[in-house]
């Protein structure tokens, strides 16, 4: 039987994402914490931050927590802000850019599996 888990905000460690400029990731829950199906991560995209075009092996469900920034998904470009949700299918080219003065933050849920990132630039 799977046990419930509570992780407090002060337990979350954030680290820079090497492939990006001005992006930090904190793993909120994953299989190492006992979550059997999905990982939930919180990202912060600093003002002026940028994530290059890339693909992932798994789908992404995202919810914008704070700020406003630009997301490219496939051939489309979107201006997103707090309260918006996005679905990025596995293997779809996507990128992020924060041209604003405030950091943007979002939650990203992914199924367990190989979340290999392939940079395209």
N, C-alpha and C. Protein backbone atom coordinates (compact mmCIF):
# COMPACT_ATOMS: atom_id res chain seq x y z
N UNK A 1 0.84 -1.19 0.00
CA UNK A 1 0.00 0.00 0.00
C UNK A 1 0.88 1.25 0.00
N UNK A 2 0.51 2.21 -0.81
CA UNK A 2 1.24 3.47 -0.89
C UNK A 2 0.88 4.35 0.29
N UNK A 3 1.88 4.96 0.88
CA UNK A 3 1.68 5.82 2.05
C UNK A 3 1.53 7.29 1.63
N UNK A 4 0.70 8.06 2.34
CA UNK A 4 0.62 9.50 2.09
C UNK A 4 1.95 10.19 2.42
N UNK A 5 2.20 11.32 1.77
CA UNK A 5 3.44 12.08 1.99
C UNK A 5 3.09 13.55 2.09
N UNK A 6 3.70 14.23 3.04
CA UNK A 6 3.62 15.69 3.12
C UNK A 6 5.04 16.23 3.09
N UNK A 7 5.31 17.12 2.14
CA UNK A 7 6.62 17.78 2.10
C UNK A 7 6.37 19.27 2.33
N UNK A 8 7.03 19.83 3.30
CA UNK A 8 6.90 21.25 3.61
C UNK A 8 7.77 22.08 2.67
N UNK A 9 7.38 23.33 2.47
CA UNK A 9 8.10 24.19 1.53
C UNK A 9 9.58 24.33 1.88
N UNK A 10 9.92 24.31 3.16
CA UNK A 10 11.32 24.46 3.53
C UNK A 10 12.15 23.19 3.29
N UNK A 11 11.49 22.12 2.86
CA UNK A 11 12.20 20.89 2.51
C UNK A 11 12.63 20.86 1.04
N UNK A 12 12.10 21.76 0.24
CA UNK A 12 12.35 21.75 -1.20
C UNK A 12 13.66 22.47 -1.50
N UNK A 13 14.55 21.76 -2.18
CA UNK A 13 15.83 22.36 -2.59
C UNK A 13 15.74 22.75 -4.05
N UNK A 14 16.15 23.97 -4.35
CA UNK A 14 16.14 24.48 -5.72
C UNK A 14 17.55 24.50 -6.26
N UNK A 15 17.69 24.14 -7.53
CA UNK A 15 19.00 24.18 -8.16
C UNK A 15 18.86 24.69 -9.59
N UNK A 16 19.91 25.34 -10.10
CA UNK A 16 19.85 25.85 -11.47
C UNK A 16 19.73 24.71 -12.47
N UNK A 17 19.02 24.97 -13.56
CA UNK A 17 18.92 24.02 -14.67
C UNK A 17 20.04 24.37 -15.64
N UNK A 18 20.97 23.44 -15.82
CA UNK A 18 22.18 23.70 -16.61
C UNK A 18 21.89 24.13 -18.04
N UNK A 19 20.87 23.55 -18.66
CA UNK A 19 20.60 23.81 -20.08
C UNK A 19 19.96 25.18 -20.31
N UNK A 20 19.59 25.88 -19.25
CA UNK A 20 18.86 27.14 -19.37
C UNK A 20 19.64 28.28 -18.73
N UNK A 21 19.18 29.50 -18.97
CA UNK A 21 19.77 30.68 -18.38
C UNK A 21 18.74 31.34 -17.47
N UNK A 22 18.96 31.28 -16.15
CA UNK A 22 18.03 31.92 -15.23
C UNK A 22 16.84 31.07 -14.86
N UNK A 23 16.99 29.75 -14.88
CA UNK A 23 15.89 28.84 -14.52
C UNK A 23 16.34 27.97 -13.36
N UNK A 24 15.49 27.91 -12.31
CA UNK A 24 15.73 27.04 -11.16
C UNK A 24 14.60 26.02 -11.04
N UNK A 25 14.96 24.81 -10.58
CA UNK A 25 13.97 23.74 -10.42
C UNK A 25 14.01 23.19 -9.01
N UNK A 26 12.83 22.98 -8.44
CA UNK A 26 12.69 22.28 -7.18
C UNK A 26 11.75 21.12 -7.38
N UNK A 27 12.16 19.92 -6.96
CA UNK A 27 11.31 18.74 -7.07
C UNK A 27 10.41 18.70 -5.83
N UNK A 28 9.11 18.83 -6.04
CA UNK A 28 8.15 18.83 -4.94
C UNK A 28 7.84 17.40 -4.51
N UNK A 29 7.53 16.56 -5.48
CA UNK A 29 7.24 15.14 -5.22
C UNK A 29 7.68 14.32 -6.43
N UNK A 30 8.22 13.13 -6.18
CA UNK A 30 8.51 12.19 -7.26
C UNK A 30 8.51 10.77 -6.71
N UNK A 31 8.95 9.83 -7.50
CA UNK A 31 8.92 8.44 -7.05
C UNK A 31 9.81 8.21 -5.82
N UNK A 32 10.85 9.01 -5.67
CA UNK A 32 11.70 8.90 -4.49
C UNK A 32 10.99 9.28 -3.20
N UNK A 33 9.89 10.01 -3.32
CA UNK A 33 9.08 10.40 -2.16
C UNK A 33 7.87 9.49 -2.00
N UNK A 34 7.74 8.50 -2.87
CA UNK A 34 6.63 7.56 -2.77
C UNK A 34 5.48 7.83 -3.72
N UNK A 35 5.58 8.86 -4.58
CA UNK A 35 4.52 9.13 -5.55
C UNK A 35 4.64 8.13 -6.70
N UNK A 36 3.64 7.26 -6.90
CA UNK A 36 3.82 6.15 -7.82
C UNK A 36 3.73 6.47 -9.31
N UNK A 37 3.11 7.58 -9.69
CA UNK A 37 2.83 7.80 -11.11
C UNK A 37 3.42 9.08 -11.71
N UNK A 38 3.46 10.15 -10.93
CA UNK A 38 3.85 11.45 -11.46
C UNK A 38 4.89 12.12 -10.58
N UNK A 39 5.66 13.00 -11.21
CA UNK A 39 6.55 13.91 -10.48
C UNK A 39 5.97 15.31 -10.63
N UNK A 40 6.04 16.09 -9.57
CA UNK A 40 5.61 17.49 -9.61
C UNK A 40 6.83 18.34 -9.26
N UNK A 41 7.13 19.29 -10.15
CA UNK A 41 8.28 20.17 -9.95
C UNK A 41 7.82 21.62 -10.02
N UNK A 42 8.55 22.49 -9.33
CA UNK A 42 8.28 23.93 -9.38
C UNK A 42 9.50 24.59 -10.00
N UNK A 43 9.25 25.42 -11.01
CA UNK A 43 10.31 26.14 -11.70
C UNK A 43 10.16 27.64 -11.48
N UNK A 44 11.28 28.34 -11.41
CA UNK A 44 11.30 29.80 -11.36
C UNK A 44 12.16 30.28 -12.52
N UNK A 45 11.55 31.11 -13.39
CA UNK A 45 12.24 31.70 -14.54
C UNK A 45 12.49 33.17 -14.23
N UNK A 46 13.73 33.49 -13.93
CA UNK A 46 14.10 34.84 -13.53
C UNK A 46 13.81 35.85 -14.64
N UNK A 47 13.66 37.12 -14.28
CA UNK A 47 13.53 38.18 -15.28
C UNK A 47 14.76 38.11 -16.18
N UNK A 48 14.53 38.11 -17.49
CA UNK A 48 15.62 37.98 -18.45
C UNK A 48 16.03 36.54 -18.71
N UNK A 49 15.42 35.60 -18.00
CA UNK A 49 15.77 34.18 -18.15
C UNK A 49 15.26 33.60 -19.45
N UNK A 50 15.92 32.52 -19.87
CA UNK A 50 15.59 31.91 -21.15
C UNK A 50 15.90 30.42 -21.13
N UNK A 51 15.01 29.64 -21.73
CA UNK A 51 15.20 28.21 -21.90
C UNK A 51 15.20 27.94 -23.40
N UNK A 52 16.27 27.37 -23.95
CA UNK A 52 16.33 27.18 -25.40
C UNK A 52 15.34 26.14 -25.91
N UNK A 53 15.15 26.12 -27.22
CA UNK A 53 14.28 25.13 -27.85
C UNK A 53 14.77 23.73 -27.48
N UNK A 54 13.81 22.90 -27.06
CA UNK A 54 14.14 21.53 -26.71
C UNK A 54 12.90 20.65 -26.79
N UNK A 55 13.13 19.35 -26.68
CA UNK A 55 12.04 18.39 -26.57
C UNK A 55 12.28 17.55 -25.32
N UNK A 56 11.21 16.93 -24.83
CA UNK A 56 11.29 16.00 -23.71
C UNK A 56 10.64 14.69 -24.12
N UNK A 57 11.07 13.61 -23.50
CA UNK A 57 10.54 12.28 -23.81
C UNK A 57 9.15 12.06 -23.24
N UNK A 58 8.76 12.89 -22.26
CA UNK A 58 7.45 12.72 -21.63
C UNK A 58 6.63 14.00 -21.74
N UNK A 59 5.31 13.85 -21.66
CA UNK A 59 4.41 15.01 -21.68
C UNK A 59 4.64 15.89 -20.46
N UNK A 60 4.21 17.15 -20.57
CA UNK A 60 4.28 18.12 -19.48
C UNK A 60 2.90 18.74 -19.29
N UNK A 61 2.42 18.80 -18.06
CA UNK A 61 1.26 19.61 -17.70
C UNK A 61 1.78 20.72 -16.80
N UNK A 62 1.48 21.96 -17.15
CA UNK A 62 2.03 23.08 -16.40
C UNK A 62 0.93 24.04 -15.96
N UNK A 63 1.18 24.67 -14.81
CA UNK A 63 0.29 25.69 -14.27
C UNK A 63 1.15 26.87 -13.85
N UNK A 64 0.84 28.05 -14.40
CA UNK A 64 1.61 29.25 -14.10
C UNK A 64 1.18 29.80 -12.75
N UNK A 65 2.14 29.89 -11.83
CA UNK A 65 1.87 30.36 -10.47
C UNK A 65 2.00 31.88 -10.33
N UNK A 66 3.00 32.45 -11.01
CA UNK A 66 3.31 33.88 -10.81
C UNK A 66 4.00 34.43 -12.04
N UNK A 67 3.88 35.74 -12.20
CA UNK A 67 4.59 36.43 -13.27
C UNK A 67 3.92 36.26 -14.62
N UNK A 68 4.65 36.67 -15.65
CA UNK A 68 4.22 36.55 -17.03
C UNK A 68 5.47 36.29 -17.86
N UNK A 69 5.35 35.40 -18.84
CA UNK A 69 6.50 35.08 -19.69
C UNK A 69 5.99 34.51 -21.01
N UNK A 70 6.89 34.26 -21.94
CA UNK A 70 6.56 33.76 -23.26
C UNK A 70 6.93 32.29 -23.35
N UNK A 71 6.04 31.50 -23.92
CA UNK A 71 6.30 30.07 -24.15
C UNK A 71 6.07 29.79 -25.63
N UNK A 72 7.05 29.15 -26.26
CA UNK A 72 6.87 28.66 -27.62
C UNK A 72 6.59 27.17 -27.54
N UNK A 73 5.52 26.73 -28.22
CA UNK A 73 5.17 25.32 -28.29
C UNK A 73 4.91 25.00 -29.76
N UNK A 74 5.75 24.15 -30.33
CA UNK A 74 5.64 23.88 -31.76
C UNK A 74 5.85 25.17 -32.54
N UNK A 75 4.92 25.49 -33.41
CA UNK A 75 5.02 26.72 -34.23
C UNK A 75 4.33 27.92 -33.57
N UNK A 76 3.68 27.72 -32.43
CA UNK A 76 2.92 28.79 -31.78
C UNK A 76 3.71 29.42 -30.65
N UNK A 77 3.43 30.72 -30.41
CA UNK A 77 4.03 31.45 -29.31
C UNK A 77 2.90 31.99 -28.44
N UNK A 78 3.03 31.81 -27.11
CA UNK A 78 1.99 32.21 -26.18
C UNK A 78 2.55 33.12 -25.11
N UNK A 79 1.80 34.14 -24.74
CA UNK A 79 2.11 34.97 -23.58
C UNK A 79 1.27 34.40 -22.44
N UNK A 80 1.93 33.91 -21.39
CA UNK A 80 1.20 33.28 -20.29
C UNK A 80 1.38 34.10 -19.01
N UNK A 81 0.44 33.93 -18.11
CA UNK A 81 0.49 34.63 -16.82
C UNK A 81 -0.14 33.75 -15.76
N UNK A 82 -0.01 34.18 -14.51
CA UNK A 82 -0.53 33.41 -13.38
C UNK A 82 -1.96 32.98 -13.62
N UNK A 83 -2.23 31.69 -13.38
CA UNK A 83 -3.56 31.13 -13.56
C UNK A 83 -3.72 30.36 -14.86
N UNK A 84 -2.78 30.53 -15.82
CA UNK A 84 -2.86 29.82 -17.09
C UNK A 84 -2.33 28.39 -16.94
N UNK A 85 -2.84 27.49 -17.78
CA UNK A 85 -2.40 26.10 -17.80
C UNK A 85 -1.94 25.74 -19.21
N UNK A 86 -0.95 24.85 -19.30
CA UNK A 86 -0.43 24.42 -20.60
C UNK A 86 -0.29 22.91 -20.62
N UNK A 87 -0.48 22.33 -21.79
CA UNK A 87 -0.17 20.93 -22.03
C UNK A 87 0.84 20.88 -23.16
N UNK A 88 1.97 20.24 -22.92
CA UNK A 88 3.01 20.10 -23.93
C UNK A 88 3.19 18.60 -24.18
N UNK A 89 2.75 18.12 -25.36
CA UNK A 89 2.87 16.68 -25.64
C UNK A 89 4.32 16.22 -25.69
N UNK A 90 4.55 14.96 -25.39
CA UNK A 90 5.89 14.38 -25.46
C UNK A 90 6.46 14.60 -26.86
N UNK A 91 7.74 14.94 -26.92
CA UNK A 91 8.42 15.11 -28.20
C UNK A 91 8.17 16.42 -28.90
N UNK A 92 7.38 17.32 -28.31
CA UNK A 92 7.05 18.60 -28.94
C UNK A 92 8.13 19.63 -28.62
N UNK A 93 8.59 20.35 -29.64
CA UNK A 93 9.58 21.42 -29.44
C UNK A 93 8.93 22.53 -28.63
N UNK A 94 9.63 22.99 -27.59
CA UNK A 94 9.14 24.12 -26.80
C UNK A 94 10.31 24.89 -26.19
N UNK A 95 10.03 26.14 -25.78
CA UNK A 95 11.03 27.04 -25.21
C UNK A 95 10.33 28.08 -24.35
N UNK A 96 11.10 28.80 -23.53
CA UNK A 96 10.56 29.82 -22.62
C UNK A 96 11.46 31.05 -22.64
N UNK A 97 10.84 32.22 -22.43
CA UNK A 97 11.62 33.46 -22.32
C UNK A 97 10.85 34.43 -21.42
N UNK A 98 11.56 35.03 -20.47
CA UNK A 98 10.95 36.02 -19.58
C UNK A 98 11.54 37.39 -19.88
N UNK A 99 10.80 38.18 -20.66
CA UNK A 99 11.24 39.54 -21.00
C UNK A 99 10.80 40.56 -19.98
N UNK A 100 10.09 40.12 -18.94
CA UNK A 100 9.55 41.04 -17.94
C UNK A 100 10.56 41.40 -16.86
N UNK A 101 10.09 42.18 -15.90
CA UNK A 101 10.93 42.63 -14.78
C UNK A 101 10.76 41.76 -13.54
N UNK A 102 9.79 40.85 -13.56
CA UNK A 102 9.51 40.00 -12.41
C UNK A 102 9.75 38.54 -12.78
N UNK A 103 10.14 37.71 -11.80
CA UNK A 103 10.28 36.29 -12.10
C UNK A 103 8.93 35.65 -12.41
N UNK A 104 8.97 34.63 -13.23
CA UNK A 104 7.81 33.80 -13.48
C UNK A 104 8.00 32.49 -12.74
N UNK A 105 6.91 31.86 -12.31
CA UNK A 105 7.01 30.58 -11.63
C UNK A 105 5.90 29.68 -12.13
N UNK A 106 6.22 28.38 -12.26
CA UNK A 106 5.20 27.44 -12.70
C UNK A 106 5.44 26.06 -12.09
N UNK A 107 4.34 25.33 -11.98
CA UNK A 107 4.35 23.93 -11.56
C UNK A 107 4.35 23.10 -12.84
N UNK A 108 5.13 22.04 -12.86
CA UNK A 108 5.17 21.13 -14.00
C UNK A 108 4.99 19.70 -13.48
N UNK A 109 3.97 19.01 -13.98
CA UNK A 109 3.74 17.61 -13.63
C UNK A 109 4.12 16.75 -14.83
N UNK A 110 4.86 15.68 -14.57
CA UNK A 110 5.26 14.75 -15.62
C UNK A 110 5.07 13.33 -15.13
N UNK A 111 4.72 12.40 -16.04
CA UNK A 111 4.66 11.00 -15.63
C UNK A 111 6.08 10.48 -15.39
N UNK A 112 6.20 9.51 -14.51
CA UNK A 112 7.50 8.89 -14.30
C UNK A 112 7.96 8.25 -15.60
N UNK A 113 9.25 8.23 -15.80
CA UNK A 113 9.82 7.66 -17.01
C UNK A 113 11.04 8.47 -17.39
N UNK A 114 11.54 8.22 -18.56
CA UNK A 114 12.73 8.89 -19.04
C UNK A 114 12.36 10.29 -19.53
N UNK A 115 12.71 11.31 -18.74
CA UNK A 115 12.39 12.69 -19.12
C UNK A 115 13.60 13.32 -19.81
N UNK A 116 14.23 12.55 -20.71
CA UNK A 116 15.42 13.03 -21.40
C UNK A 116 15.12 14.29 -22.20
N UNK A 117 16.00 15.28 -22.06
CA UNK A 117 15.87 16.55 -22.76
C UNK A 117 16.82 16.54 -23.95
N UNK A 118 16.30 16.93 -25.12
CA UNK A 118 17.16 17.09 -26.30
C UNK A 118 17.13 18.55 -26.70
N UNK A 119 18.29 19.22 -26.57
CA UNK A 119 18.41 20.62 -26.97
C UNK A 119 18.48 20.71 -28.49
N UNK A 120 17.83 21.73 -29.04
CA UNK A 120 17.78 21.88 -30.49
C UNK A 120 18.60 23.06 -30.99
N UNK A 121 19.21 23.82 -30.09
CA UNK A 121 20.02 24.98 -30.51
C UNK A 121 21.41 24.84 -29.96
